[in-house]
Amino acid sequence: MISQVVWDIAVLEEAHRLSKSYTGENKTANALKKATADAYKLLRRAYA
């Protein structure tokens, strides 16, 4: 579903939750990575 959208830019809040996307262990991170492969990405980590 998310990969059906053509993304120009992706702003990802709570980006620290996307860690380990390079290992293949995080399914959500992998889906976002694939869906936004051609988009500019802005990752924002929320601080307490």
N, C-alpha and C. Protein backbone atom coordinates (compact mmCIF):
# COMPACT_ATOMS: atom_id res chain seq x y z
N MET A 1 0.81 -1.18 0.00
CA MET A 1 0.00 0.00 0.00
C MET A 1 0.87 1.26 0.00
N ILE A 2 1.82 1.35 0.90
CA ILE A 2 2.68 2.53 0.99
C ILE A 2 3.59 2.65 -0.23
N SER A 3 3.92 1.53 -0.83
CA SER A 3 4.80 1.56 -2.00
C SER A 3 4.06 1.96 -3.28
N GLN A 4 2.75 2.12 -3.21
CA GLN A 4 1.98 2.55 -4.37
C GLN A 4 2.01 4.06 -4.56
N VAL A 5 2.50 4.79 -3.58
CA VAL A 5 2.59 6.25 -3.64
C VAL A 5 3.95 6.63 -4.21
N VAL A 6 3.96 7.63 -5.09
CA VAL A 6 5.22 8.16 -5.61
C VAL A 6 5.64 9.29 -4.67
N TRP A 7 6.73 9.09 -3.95
CA TRP A 7 7.18 10.04 -2.94
C TRP A 7 8.25 10.96 -3.50
N ASP A 8 8.08 12.28 -3.29
CA ASP A 8 9.12 13.26 -3.63
C ASP A 8 10.03 13.48 -2.43
N ILE A 9 9.42 13.51 -1.26
CA ILE A 9 10.15 13.71 -0.01
C ILE A 9 9.47 12.89 1.08
N ALA A 10 10.26 12.36 1.97
CA ALA A 10 9.72 11.59 3.10
C ALA A 10 10.31 12.15 4.38
N VAL A 11 9.46 12.59 5.29
CA VAL A 11 9.90 13.08 6.60
C VAL A 11 9.52 12.01 7.61
N LEU A 12 10.51 11.44 8.24
CA LEU A 12 10.29 10.33 9.15
C LEU A 12 10.56 10.77 10.59
N GLU A 13 9.50 10.89 11.38
CA GLU A 13 9.63 11.19 12.79
C GLU A 13 10.02 9.92 13.53
N GLU A 14 10.62 10.09 14.68
CA GLU A 14 11.04 8.93 15.48
C GLU A 14 11.94 8.01 14.67
N ALA A 15 12.87 8.59 13.94
CA ALA A 15 13.74 7.82 13.05
C ALA A 15 14.60 6.80 13.79
N HIS A 16 14.83 7.01 15.07
CA HIS A 16 15.63 6.04 15.82
C HIS A 16 14.94 4.67 15.85
N ARG A 17 13.65 4.64 15.64
CA ARG A 17 12.93 3.37 15.60
C ARG A 17 13.21 2.59 14.31
N LEU A 18 13.86 3.24 13.38
CA LEU A 18 14.17 2.60 12.10
C LEU A 18 15.57 2.01 12.09
N SER A 19 16.20 1.93 13.23
CA SER A 19 17.55 1.40 13.28
C SER A 19 17.56 -0.06 12.84
N LYS A 20 18.69 -0.49 12.41
CA LYS A 20 18.93 -1.84 11.93
C LYS A 20 18.19 -2.16 10.64
N SER A 21 17.84 -1.13 9.87
CA SER A 21 17.18 -1.40 8.59
C SER A 21 18.15 -2.07 7.63
N TYR A 22 19.44 -1.84 7.85
CA TYR A 22 20.46 -2.42 6.99
C TYR A 22 20.68 -3.91 7.25
N THR A 23 20.19 -4.42 8.36
CA THR A 23 20.38 -5.84 8.68
C THR A 23 19.25 -6.71 8.16
N GLY A 24 18.13 -6.08 7.79
CA GLY A 24 16.98 -6.85 7.33
C GLY A 24 16.07 -7.31 8.43
N GLU A 25 16.38 -6.95 9.68
CA GLU A 25 15.59 -7.41 10.82
C GLU A 25 14.34 -6.58 11.06
N ASN A 26 14.36 -5.31 10.68
CA ASN A 26 13.25 -4.41 10.96
C ASN A 26 12.34 -4.33 9.74
N LYS A 27 11.20 -5.01 9.79
CA LYS A 27 10.31 -5.10 8.64
C LYS A 27 9.71 -3.74 8.27
N THR A 28 9.36 -2.94 9.27
CA THR A 28 8.80 -1.61 9.00
C THR A 28 9.82 -0.73 8.31
N ALA A 29 11.04 -0.73 8.81
CA ALA A 29 12.10 0.07 8.22
C ALA A 29 12.38 -0.37 6.79
N ASN A 30 12.38 -1.65 6.54
CA ASN A 30 12.62 -2.17 5.20
C ASN A 30 11.52 -1.76 4.23
N ALA A 31 10.26 -1.79 4.69
CA ALA A 31 9.14 -1.39 3.84
C ALA A 31 9.24 0.10 3.50
N LEU A 32 9.58 0.94 4.49
CA LEU A 32 9.73 2.37 4.24
C LEU A 32 10.92 2.65 3.32
N LYS A 33 11.99 1.92 3.53
CA LYS A 33 13.18 2.10 2.70
C LYS A 33 12.87 1.78 1.24
N LYS A 34 12.15 0.71 1.02
CA LYS A 34 11.80 0.31 -0.34
C LYS A 34 10.81 1.29 -0.97
N ALA A 35 9.82 1.72 -0.20
CA ALA A 35 8.78 2.60 -0.73
C ALA A 35 9.32 3.99 -1.06
N THR A 36 10.34 4.42 -0.32
CA THR A 36 10.87 5.78 -0.51
C THR A 36 12.26 5.77 -1.14
N ALA A 37 12.58 4.74 -1.87
CA ALA A 37 13.92 4.58 -2.43
C ALA A 37 14.37 5.76 -3.28
N ASP A 38 13.47 6.35 -4.04
CA ASP A 38 13.83 7.45 -4.93
C ASP A 38 13.54 8.83 -4.34
N ALA A 39 13.08 8.88 -3.11
CA ALA A 39 12.70 10.15 -2.48
C ALA A 39 13.82 10.70 -1.60
N TYR A 40 13.86 12.03 -1.49
CA TYR A 40 14.74 12.68 -0.53
C TYR A 40 14.19 12.38 0.86
N LYS A 41 15.06 12.08 1.80
CA LYS A 41 14.61 11.72 3.14
C LYS A 41 15.14 12.67 4.19
N LEU A 42 14.28 13.03 5.12
CA LEU A 42 14.64 13.82 6.28
C LEU A 42 14.29 12.99 7.51
N LEU A 43 15.30 12.59 8.24
CA LEU A 43 15.10 11.78 9.43
C LEU A 43 15.20 12.67 10.65
N ARG A 44 14.23 12.60 11.54
CA ARG A 44 14.23 13.43 12.72
C ARG A 44 14.09 12.54 13.94
N ARG A 45 15.03 12.71 14.82
CA ARG A 45 14.97 11.95 16.08
C ARG A 45 14.40 12.87 17.14
N ALA A 46 13.38 12.41 17.82
CA ALA A 46 12.76 13.20 18.89
C ALA A 46 13.58 13.05 20.15
N TYR A 47 13.84 14.15 20.79
CA TYR A 47 14.58 14.15 22.05
C TYR A 47 13.63 14.41 23.21
N ALA A 48 13.90 13.76 24.30
CA ALA A 48 13.04 13.91 25.49
C ALA A 48 13.34 15.19 26.22
